[in-house]
Amino acid sequence: AYGSQGYIFADIQADPRFLEEPGQLDLIYNIAEGDQ
């Protein structure tokens, strides 16, 4: 999605975060867009 608009060096990292509740997690995608 970013590379199609010129942001080919955008840094995208997935970050699964475990919760206190057993068997559950939150999934966060951290994006550093960079330049076009």
PDB file of all heavy atoms in Angstrom:
ATOM      1  N   ALA A   1       0.836  -1.200   0.000  1.00  0.00           N
ATOM      2  CA  ALA A   1       0.000   0.000   0.000  1.00  0.00           C
ATOM      3  C   ALA A   1       0.871   1.250   0.000  1.00  0.00           C
ATOM      4  O   ALA A   1       0.594   2.221  -0.721  1.00  0.00           O
ATOM      5  CB  ALA A   1      -0.934  -0.003   1.212  1.00  0.00           C
ATOM      6  N   TYR A   2       1.924   1.249   0.760  1.00  0.00           N
ATOM      7  CA  TYR A   2       2.836   2.394   0.776  1.00  0.00           C
ATOM      8  C   TYR A   2       3.741   2.387  -0.451  1.00  0.00           C
ATOM      9  O   TYR A   2       4.015   3.435  -1.045  1.00  0.00           O
ATOM     10  CB  TYR A   2       3.672   2.369   2.051  1.00  0.00           C
ATOM     11  CG  TYR A   2       2.986   3.032   3.222  1.00  0.00           C
ATOM     12  CD1 TYR A   2       2.178   2.289   4.077  1.00  0.00           C
ATOM     13  CD2 TYR A   2       3.137   4.386   3.460  1.00  0.00           C
ATOM     14  CE1 TYR A   2       1.538   2.888   5.148  1.00  0.00           C
ATOM     15  CE2 TYR A   2       2.495   5.000   4.524  1.00  0.00           C
ATOM     16  CZ  TYR A   2       1.697   4.242   5.371  1.00  0.00           C
ATOM     17  OH  TYR A   2       1.061   4.849   6.420  1.00  0.00           O
ATOM     18  N   GLY A   3       4.237   1.203  -0.829  1.00  0.00           N
ATOM     19  CA  GLY A   3       5.144   1.125  -1.976  1.00  0.00           C
ATOM     20  C   GLY A   3       4.492   1.493  -3.283  1.00  0.00           C
ATOM     21  O   GLY A   3       5.165   1.937  -4.221  1.00  0.00           O
ATOM     22  N   SER A   4       3.177   1.357  -3.384  1.00  0.00           N
ATOM     23  CA  SER A   4       2.484   1.727  -4.622  1.00  0.00           C
ATOM     24  C   SER A   4       2.382   3.233  -4.797  1.00  0.00           C
ATOM     25  O   SER A   4       2.117   3.719  -5.894  1.00  0.00           O
ATOM     26  CB  SER A   4       1.082   1.111  -4.636  1.00  0.00           C
ATOM     27  OG  SER A   4       0.292   1.650  -3.586  1.00  0.00           O
ATOM     28  N   GLN A   5       2.622   3.973  -3.717  1.00  0.00           N
ATOM     29  CA  GLN A   5       2.533   5.438  -3.771  1.00  0.00           C
ATOM     30  C   GLN A   5       3.901   6.093  -3.568  1.00  0.00           C
ATOM     31  O   GLN A   5       3.979   7.260  -3.196  1.00  0.00           O
ATOM     32  CB  GLN A   5       1.560   5.935  -2.699  1.00  0.00           C
ATOM     33  CG  GLN A   5       0.147   5.409  -2.861  1.00  0.00           C
ATOM     34  CD  GLN A   5      -0.462   5.824  -4.189  1.00  0.00           C
ATOM     35  OE1 GLN A   5      -0.288   6.959  -4.644  1.00  0.00           O
ATOM     36  NE2 GLN A   5      -1.188   4.896  -4.830  1.00  0.00           N
ATOM     37  N   GLY A   6       4.949   5.346  -3.807  1.00  0.00           N
ATOM     38  CA  GLY A   6       6.288   5.923  -3.746  1.00  0.00           C
ATOM     39  C   GLY A   6       6.996   5.782  -2.418  1.00  0.00           C
ATOM     40  O   GLY A   6       8.179   6.099  -2.314  1.00  0.00           O
ATOM     41  N   TYR A   7       6.322   5.274  -1.386  1.00  0.00           N
ATOM     42  CA  TYR A   7       6.959   5.123  -0.064  1.00  0.00           C
ATOM     43  C   TYR A   7       7.568   3.712   0.030  1.00  0.00           C
ATOM     44  O   TYR A   7       7.173   2.895   0.866  1.00  0.00           O
ATOM     45  CB  TYR A   7       5.934   5.345   1.045  1.00  0.00           C
ATOM     46  CG  TYR A   7       5.349   6.739   1.056  1.00  0.00           C
ATOM     47  CD1 TYR A   7       4.186   7.030   0.339  1.00  0.00           C
ATOM     48  CD2 TYR A   7       5.962   7.762   1.765  1.00  0.00           C
ATOM     49  CE1 TYR A   7       3.644   8.314   0.336  1.00  0.00           C
ATOM     50  CE2 TYR A   7       5.431   9.054   1.763  1.00  0.00           C
ATOM     51  CZ  TYR A   7       4.281   9.316   1.042  1.00  0.00           C
ATOM     52  OH  TYR A   7       3.744  10.594   1.046  1.00  0.00           O
ATOM     53  N   ILE A   8       8.550   3.465  -0.838  1.00  0.00           N
ATOM     54  CA  ILE A   8       9.063   2.101  -0.963  1.00  0.00           C
ATOM     55  C   ILE A   8       9.980   1.711   0.186  1.00  0.00           C
ATOM     56  O   ILE A   8      10.289   0.528   0.366  1.00  0.00           O
ATOM     57  CB  ILE A   8       9.804   1.930  -2.301  1.00  0.00           C
ATOM     58  CG1 ILE A   8      10.954   2.929  -2.394  1.00  0.00           C
ATOM     59  CG2 ILE A   8       8.860   2.069  -3.464  1.00  0.00           C
ATOM     60  CD1 ILE A   8      11.836   2.698  -3.602  1.00  0.00           C
ATOM     61  N   PHE A   9      10.450   2.683   0.968  1.00  0.00           N
ATOM     62  CA  PHE A   9      11.320   2.367   2.098  1.00  0.00           C
ATOM     63  C   PHE A   9      10.579   2.535   3.423  1.00  0.00           C
ATOM     64  O   PHE A   9      11.217   2.683   4.474  1.00  0.00           O
ATOM     65  CB  PHE A   9      12.562   3.259   2.074  1.00  0.00           C
ATOM     66  CG  PHE A   9      13.404   3.061   0.847  1.00  0.00           C
ATOM     67  CD1 PHE A   9      13.590   4.093  -0.060  1.00  0.00           C
ATOM     68  CD2 PHE A   9      13.995   1.839   0.575  1.00  0.00           C
ATOM     69  CE1 PHE A   9      14.355   3.919  -1.195  1.00  0.00           C
ATOM     70  CE2 PHE A   9      14.761   1.656  -0.558  1.00  0.00           C
ATOM     71  CZ  PHE A   9      14.951   2.688  -1.446  1.00  0.00           C
ATOM     72  N   ALA A  10       9.266   2.492   3.394  1.00  0.00           N
ATOM     73  CA  ALA A  10       8.496   2.555   4.639  1.00  0.00           C
ATOM     74  C   ALA A  10       8.808   1.329   5.493  1.00  0.00           C
ATOM     75  O   ALA A  10       8.856   0.197   4.997  1.00  0.00           O
ATOM     76  CB  ALA A  10       6.999   2.616   4.328  1.00  0.00           C
ATOM     77  N   ASP A  11       9.034   1.549   6.775  1.00  0.00           N
ATOM     78  CA  ASP A  11       9.379   0.477   7.705  1.00  0.00           C
ATOM     79  C   ASP A  11       8.117   0.093   8.477  1.00  0.00           C
ATOM     80  O   ASP A  11       7.555   0.910   9.219  1.00  0.00           O
ATOM     81  CB  ASP A  11      10.478   0.944   8.660  1.00  0.00           C
ATOM     82  CG  ASP A  11      10.955  -0.176   9.574  1.00  0.00           C
ATOM     83  OD1 ASP A  11      10.710  -1.350   9.242  1.00  0.00           O
ATOM     84  OD2 ASP A  11      11.554   0.126  10.626  1.00  0.00           O
ATOM     85  N   ILE A  12       7.678  -1.145   8.305  1.00  0.00           N
ATOM     86  CA  ILE A  12       6.455  -1.634   8.938  1.00  0.00           C
ATOM     87  C   ILE A  12       6.796  -2.856   9.769  1.00  0.00           C
ATOM     88  O   ILE A  12       7.318  -3.852   9.254  1.00  0.00           O
ATOM     89  CB  ILE A  12       5.390  -1.964   7.878  1.00  0.00           C
ATOM     90  CG1 ILE A  12       5.081  -0.710   7.042  1.00  0.00           C
ATOM     91  CG2 ILE A  12       4.121  -2.513   8.535  1.00  0.00           C
ATOM     92  CD1 ILE A  12       4.179  -0.961   5.869  1.00  0.00           C
ATOM     93  N   GLN A  13       6.536  -2.788  11.061  1.00  0.00           N
ATOM     94  CA  GLN A  13       6.860  -3.864  11.992  1.00  0.00           C
ATOM     95  C   GLN A  13       5.599  -4.293  12.734  1.00  0.00           C
ATOM     96  O   GLN A  13       4.834  -3.448  13.223  1.00  0.00           O
ATOM     97  CB  GLN A  13       7.923  -3.411  12.993  1.00  0.00           C
ATOM     98  CG  GLN A  13       9.242  -2.971  12.375  1.00  0.00           C
ATOM     99  CD  GLN A  13       9.979  -4.116  11.722  1.00  0.00           C
ATOM    100  OE1 GLN A  13       9.818  -5.288  12.116  1.00  0.00           O
ATOM    101  NE2 GLN A  13      10.805  -3.808  10.718  1.00  0.00           N
ATOM    102  N   ALA A  14       5.400  -5.627  12.796  1.00  0.00           N
ATOM    103  CA  ALA A  14       4.273  -6.176  13.559  1.00  0.00           C
ATOM    104  C   ALA A  14       4.707  -6.393  15.004  1.00  0.00           C
ATOM    105  O   ALA A  14       5.799  -6.901  15.267  1.00  0.00           O
ATOM    106  CB  ALA A  14       3.795  -7.487  12.944  1.00  0.00           C
ATOM    107  N   ASP A  15       3.842  -6.019  15.944  1.00  0.00           N
ATOM    108  CA  ASP A  15       4.176  -6.101  17.369  1.00  0.00           C
ATOM    109  C   ASP A  15       3.027  -6.772  18.122  1.00  0.00           C
ATOM    110  O   ASP A  15       2.069  -6.112  18.549  1.00  0.00           O
ATOM    111  CB  ASP A  15       4.427  -4.683  17.917  1.00  0.00           C
ATOM    112  CG  ASP A  15       4.816  -4.699  19.383  1.00  0.00           C
ATOM    113  OD1 ASP A  15       5.199  -5.774  19.880  1.00  0.00           O
ATOM    114  OD2 ASP A  15       4.737  -3.632  20.031  1.00  0.00           O
ATOM    115  N   PRO A  16       3.075  -8.117  18.298  1.00  0.00           N
ATOM    116  CA  PRO A  16       2.059  -8.786  19.124  1.00  0.00           C
ATOM    117  C   PRO A  16       2.325  -8.491  20.606  1.00  0.00           C
ATOM    118  O   PRO A  16       3.430  -8.721  21.101  1.00  0.00           O
ATOM    119  CB  PRO A  16       2.263 -10.273  18.806  1.00  0.00           C
ATOM    120  CG  PRO A  16       3.156 -10.319  17.604  1.00  0.00           C
ATOM    121  CD  PRO A  16       3.982  -9.070  17.651  1.00  0.00           C
ATOM    122  N   ARG A  17       1.335  -7.997  21.300  1.00  0.00           N
ATOM    123  CA  ARG A  17       1.462  -7.657  22.711  1.00  0.00           C
ATOM    124  C   ARG A  17       0.526  -8.536  23.535  1.00  0.00           C
ATOM    125  O   ARG A  17      -0.691  -8.523  23.342  1.00  0.00           O
ATOM    126  CB  ARG A  17       1.139  -6.182  22.935  1.00  0.00           C
ATOM    127  CG  ARG A  17       2.101  -5.244  22.201  1.00  0.00           C
ATOM    128  CD  ARG A  17       1.806  -3.795  22.501  1.00  0.00           C
ATOM    129  NE  ARG A  17       2.728  -2.910  21.773  1.00  0.00           N
ATOM    130  CZ  ARG A  17       2.700  -1.581  21.850  1.00  0.00           C
ATOM    131  NH1 ARG A  17       1.790  -0.978  22.626  1.00  0.00           N
ATOM    132  NH2 ARG A  17       3.571  -0.857  21.164  1.00  0.00           N
ATOM    133  N   PHE A  18       1.122  -9.292  24.460  1.00  0.00           N
ATOM    134  CA  PHE A  18       0.344 -10.226  25.268  1.00  0.00           C
ATOM    135  C   PHE A  18      -0.341  -9.480  26.412  1.00  0.00           C
ATOM    136  O   PHE A  18       0.226  -8.563  27.021  1.00  0.00           O
ATOM    137  CB  PHE A  18       1.248 -11.324  25.814  1.00  0.00           C
ATOM    138  CG  PHE A  18       1.910 -12.137  24.731  1.00  0.00           C
ATOM    139  CD1 PHE A  18       3.193 -11.823  24.291  1.00  0.00           C
ATOM    140  CD2 PHE A  18       1.248 -13.190  24.143  1.00  0.00           C
ATOM    141  CE1 PHE A  18       3.796 -12.560  23.290  1.00  0.00           C
ATOM    142  CE2 PHE A  18       1.840 -13.927  23.142  1.00  0.00           C
ATOM    143  CZ  PHE A  18       3.119 -13.616  22.705  1.00  0.00           C
ATOM    144  N   LEU A  19      -1.549  -9.891  26.699  1.00  0.00           N
ATOM    145  CA  LEU A  19      -2.364  -9.233  27.717  1.00  0.00           C
ATOM    146  C   LEU A  19      -2.356 -10.051  29.001  1.00  0.00           C
ATOM    147  O   LEU A  19      -1.874 -11.196  29.039  1.00  0.00           O
ATOM    148  CB  LEU A  19      -3.801  -9.079  27.204  1.00  0.00           C
ATOM    149  CG  LEU A  19      -3.946  -8.356  25.849  1.00  0.00           C
ATOM    150  CD1 LEU A  19      -5.402  -8.370  25.414  1.00  0.00           C
ATOM    151  CD2 LEU A  19      -3.418  -6.926  25.957  1.00  0.00           C
ATOM    152  N   GLU A  20      -2.872  -9.406  30.055  1.00  0.00           N
ATOM    153  CA  GLU A  20      -2.955 -10.113  31.324  1.00  0.00           C
ATOM    154  C   GLU A  20      -3.964 -11.256  31.253  1.00  0.00           C
ATOM    155  O   GLU A  20      -3.813 -12.280  31.921  1.00  0.00           O
ATOM    156  CB  GLU A  20      -3.333  -9.132  32.432  1.00  0.00           C
ATOM    157  CG  GLU A  20      -2.265  -8.082  32.716  1.00  0.00           C
ATOM    158  CD  GLU A  20      -2.661  -7.169  33.848  1.00  0.00           C
ATOM    159  OE1 GLU A  20      -3.791  -7.356  34.379  1.00  0.00           O
ATOM    160  OE2 GLU A  20      -1.867  -6.279  34.204  1.00  0.00           O
ATOM    161  N   GLU A  21      -5.001 -11.086  30.457  1.00  0.00           N
ATOM    162  CA  GLU A  21      -5.967 -12.164  30.290  1.00  0.00           C
ATOM    163  C   GLU A  21      -5.292 -13.333  29.572  1.00  0.00           C
ATOM    164  O   GLU A  21      -4.652 -13.153  28.535  1.00  0.00           O
ATOM    165  CB  GLU A  21      -7.165 -11.690  29.462  1.00  0.00           C
ATOM    166  CG  GLU A  21      -7.982 -10.609  30.129  1.00  0.00           C
ATOM    167  CD  GLU A  21      -7.416  -9.214  29.864  1.00  0.00           C
ATOM    168  OE1 GLU A  21      -6.303  -9.147  29.304  1.00  0.00           O
ATOM    169  OE2 GLU A  21      -8.068  -8.230  30.227  1.00  0.00           O
ATOM    170  N   PRO A  22      -5.388 -14.528  30.064  1.00  0.00           N
ATOM    171  CA  PRO A  22      -4.717 -15.675  29.422  1.00  0.00           C
ATOM    172  C   PRO A  22      -5.297 -15.952  28.043  1.00  0.00           C
ATOM    173  O   PRO A  22      -6.507 -15.904  27.831  1.00  0.00           O
ATOM    174  CB  PRO A  22      -4.993 -16.831  30.391  1.00  0.00           C
ATOM    175  CG  PRO A  22      -6.219 -16.419  31.151  1.00  0.00           C
ATOM    176  CD  PRO A  22      -6.156 -14.933  31.260  1.00  0.00           C
ATOM    177  N   GLY A  23      -4.407 -16.197  27.108  1.00  0.00           N
ATOM    178  CA  GLY A  23      -4.827 -16.594  25.769  1.00  0.00           C
ATOM    179  C   GLY A  23      -5.250 -15.446  24.880  1.00  0.00           C
ATOM    180  O   GLY A  23      -5.882 -15.695  23.845  1.00  0.00           O
ATOM    181  N   GLN A  24      -4.922 -14.182  25.208  1.00  0.00           N
ATOM    182  CA  GLN A  24      -5.315 -13.056  24.382  1.00  0.00           C
ATOM    183  C   GLN A  24      -4.111 -12.145  24.131  1.00  0.00           C
ATOM    184  O   GLN A  24      -3.189 -12.054  24.953  1.00  0.00           O
ATOM    185  CB  GLN A  24      -6.433 -12.244  25.039  1.00  0.00           C
ATOM    186  CG  GLN A  24      -7.762 -12.966  25.114  1.00  0.00           C
ATOM    187  CD  GLN A  24      -8.889 -12.052  25.533  1.00  0.00           C
ATOM    188  OE1 GLN A  24      -8.708 -10.845  25.650  1.00  0.00           O
ATOM    189  NE2 GLN A  24     -10.069 -12.616  25.744  1.00  0.00           N
ATOM    190  N   LEU A  25      -4.151 -11.476  22.981  1.00  0.00           N
ATOM    191  CA  LEU A  25      -3.098 -10.529  22.639  1.00  0.00           C
ATOM    192  C   LEU A  25      -3.667  -9.437  21.743  1.00  0.00           C
ATOM    193  O   LEU A  25      -4.689  -9.620  21.082  1.00  0.00           O
ATOM    194  CB  LEU A  25      -1.914 -11.223  21.961  1.00  0.00           C
ATOM    195  CG  LEU A  25      -2.136 -11.995  20.649  1.00  0.00           C
ATOM    196  CD1 LEU A  25      -2.102 -11.077  19.429  1.00  0.00           C
ATOM    197  CD2 LEU A  25      -1.093 -13.078  20.485  1.00  0.00           C
ATOM    198  N   ASP A  26      -2.975  -8.304  21.727  1.00  0.00           N
ATOM    199  CA  ASP A  26      -3.274  -7.215  20.801  1.00  0.00           C
ATOM    200  C   ASP A  26      -2.185  -7.178  19.730  1.00  0.00           C
ATOM    201  O   ASP A  26      -0.995  -7.324  20.037  1.00  0.00           O
ATOM    202  CB  ASP A  26      -3.324  -5.870  21.526  1.00  0.00           C
ATOM    203  CG  ASP A  26      -4.585  -5.712  22.369  1.00  0.00           C
ATOM    204  OD1 ASP A  26      -5.553  -6.453  22.119  1.00  0.00           O
ATOM    205  OD2 ASP A  26      -4.578  -4.855  23.290  1.00  0.00           O
ATOM    206  N   LEU A  27      -2.593  -6.970  18.502  1.00  0.00           N
ATOM    207  CA  LEU A  27      -1.653  -6.929  17.384  1.00  0.00           C
ATOM    208  C   LEU A  27      -1.562  -5.494  16.869  1.00  0.00           C
ATOM    209  O   LEU A  27      -2.567  -4.912  16.456  1.00  0.00           O
ATOM    210  CB  LEU A  27      -2.105  -7.866  16.270  1.00  0.00           C
ATOM    211  CG  LEU A  27      -1.183  -7.975  15.054  1.00  0.00           C
ATOM    212  CD1 LEU A  27       0.212  -8.393  15.463  1.00  0.00           C
ATOM    213  CD2 LEU A  27      -1.754  -8.963  14.041  1.00  0.00           C
ATOM    214  N   ILE A  28      -0.349  -4.923  16.917  1.00  0.00           N
ATOM    215  CA  ILE A  28      -0.135  -3.537  16.515  1.00  0.00           C
ATOM    216  C   ILE A  28       0.874  -3.514  15.367  1.00  0.00           C
ATOM    217  O   ILE A  28       1.932  -4.159  15.438  1.00  0.00           O
ATOM    218  CB  ILE A  28       0.378  -2.686  17.698  1.00  0.00           C
ATOM    219  CG1 ILE A  28      -0.645  -2.707  18.836  1.00  0.00           C
ATOM    220  CG2 ILE A  28       0.676  -1.266  17.261  1.00  0.00           C
ATOM    221  CD1 ILE A  28      -0.164  -2.029  20.089  1.00  0.00           C
ATOM    222  N   TYR A  29       0.547  -2.779  14.312  1.00  0.00           N
ATOM    223  CA  TYR A  29       1.464  -2.572  13.187  1.00  0.00           C
ATOM    224  C   TYR A  29       2.044  -1.161  13.301  1.00  0.00           C
ATOM    225  O   TYR A  29       1.321  -0.162  13.137  1.00  0.00           O
ATOM    226  CB  TYR A  29       0.742  -2.742  11.853  1.00  0.00           C
ATOM    227  CG  TYR A  29       0.220  -4.138  11.622  1.00  0.00           C
ATOM    228  CD1 TYR A  29      -1.118  -4.442  11.847  1.00  0.00           C
ATOM    229  CD2 TYR A  29       1.072  -5.144  11.193  1.00  0.00           C
ATOM    230  CE1 TYR A  29      -1.602  -5.724  11.647  1.00  0.00           C
ATOM    231  CE2 TYR A  29       0.595  -6.434  10.989  1.00  0.00           C
ATOM    232  CZ  TYR A  29      -0.735  -6.718  11.229  1.00  0.00           C
ATOM    233  OH  TYR A  29      -1.203  -7.989  11.024  1.00  0.00           O
ATOM    234  N   ASN A  30       3.326  -1.073  13.628  1.00  0.00           N
ATOM    235  CA  ASN A  30       4.017   0.208  13.744  1.00  0.00           C
ATOM    236  C   ASN A  30       4.592   0.599  12.387  1.00  0.00           C
ATOM    237  O   ASN A  30       5.318  -0.185  11.759  1.00  0.00           O
ATOM    238  CB  ASN A  30       5.139   0.120  14.778  1.00  0.00           C
ATOM    239  CG  ASN A  30       4.598  -0.085  16.181  1.00  0.00           C
ATOM    240  OD1 ASN A  30       3.717   0.642  16.626  1.00  0.00           O
ATOM    241  ND2 ASN A  30       5.114  -1.092  16.877  1.00  0.00           N
ATOM    242  N   ILE A  31       4.284   1.815  11.943  1.00  0.00           N
ATOM    243  CA  ILE A  31       4.669   2.265  10.604  1.00  0.00           C
ATOM    244  C   ILE A  31       5.544   3.509  10.702  1.00  0.00           C
ATOM    245  O   ILE A  31       5.165   4.491  11.355  1.00  0.00           O
ATOM    246  CB  ILE A  31       3.427   2.573   9.741  1.00  0.00           C
ATOM    247  CG1 ILE A  31       2.547   1.329   9.626  1.00  0.00           C
ATOM    248  CG2 ILE A  31       3.837   3.085   8.362  1.00  0.00           C
ATOM    249  CD1 ILE A  31       1.256   1.568   8.871  1.00  0.00           C
ATOM    250  N   ALA A  32       6.707   3.447  10.083  1.00  0.00           N
ATOM    251  CA  ALA A  32       7.557   4.623   9.867  1.00  0.00           C
ATOM    252  C   ALA A  32       7.528   4.909   8.373  1.00  0.00           C
ATOM    253  O   ALA A  32       8.165   4.194   7.578  1.00  0.00           O
ATOM    254  CB  ALA A  32       8.974   4.380  10.360  1.00  0.00           C
ATOM    255  N   GLU A  33       6.758   5.899   7.952  1.00  0.00           N
ATOM    256  CA  GLU A  33       6.452   6.082   6.532  1.00  0.00           C
ATOM    257  C   GLU A  33       7.664   6.493   5.702  1.00  0.00           C
ATOM    258  O   GLU A  33       7.837   6.034   4.581  1.00  0.00           O
ATOM    259  CB  GLU A  33       5.342   7.122   6.379  1.00  0.00           C
ATOM    260  CG  GLU A  33       4.020   6.665   6.980  1.00  0.00           C
ATOM    261  CD  GLU A  33       2.950   7.717   6.878  1.00  0.00           C
ATOM    262  OE1 GLU A  33       3.309   8.920   6.850  1.00  0.00           O
ATOM    263  OE2 GLU A  33       1.758   7.364   6.810  1.00  0.00           O
ATOM    264  N   GLY A  34       8.487   7.385   6.209  1.00  0.00           N
ATOM    265  CA  GLY A  34       9.610   7.867   5.414  1.00  0.00           C
ATOM    266  C   GLY A  34       9.155   8.840   4.343  1.00  0.00           C
ATOM    267  O   GLY A  34       8.075   9.444   4.419  1.00  0.00           O
ATOM    268  N   ASP A  35       9.982   8.980   3.309  1.00  0.00           N
ATOM    269  CA  ASP A  35       9.716   9.945   2.238  1.00  0.00           C
ATOM    270  C   ASP A  35       9.125   9.253   1.010  1.00  0.00           C
ATOM    271  O   ASP A  35       9.281   8.040   0.803  1.00  0.00           O
ATOM    272  CB  ASP A  35      11.001  10.668   1.832  1.00  0.00           C
ATOM    273  CG  ASP A  35      11.543  11.522   2.964  1.00  0.00           C
ATOM    274  OD1 ASP A  35      10.734  12.025   3.753  1.00  0.00           O
ATOM    275  OD2 ASP A  35      12.769  11.660   3.053  1.00  0.00           O
ATOM    276  N   GLN A  36       8.484  10.063   0.185  1.00  0.00           N
ATOM    277  CA  GLN A  36       7.968   9.576  -1.096  1.00  0.00           C
ATOM    278  C   GLN A  36       9.063   9.697  -2.151  1.00  0.00           C
ATOM    279  O   GLN A  36       9.804  10.671  -2.184  1.00  0.00           O
ATOM    280  CB  GLN A  36       6.739  10.380  -1.518  1.00  0.00           C
ATOM    281  CG  GLN A  36       6.026   9.809  -2.734  1.00  0.00           C
ATOM    282  CD  GLN A  36       4.852  10.677  -3.155  1.00  0.00           C
ATOM    283  OE1 GLN A  36       4.992  11.886  -3.289  1.00  0.00           O
ATOM    284  NE2 GLN A  36       3.692  10.049  -3.358  1.00  0.00           N
TER     285      GLN A  36
END
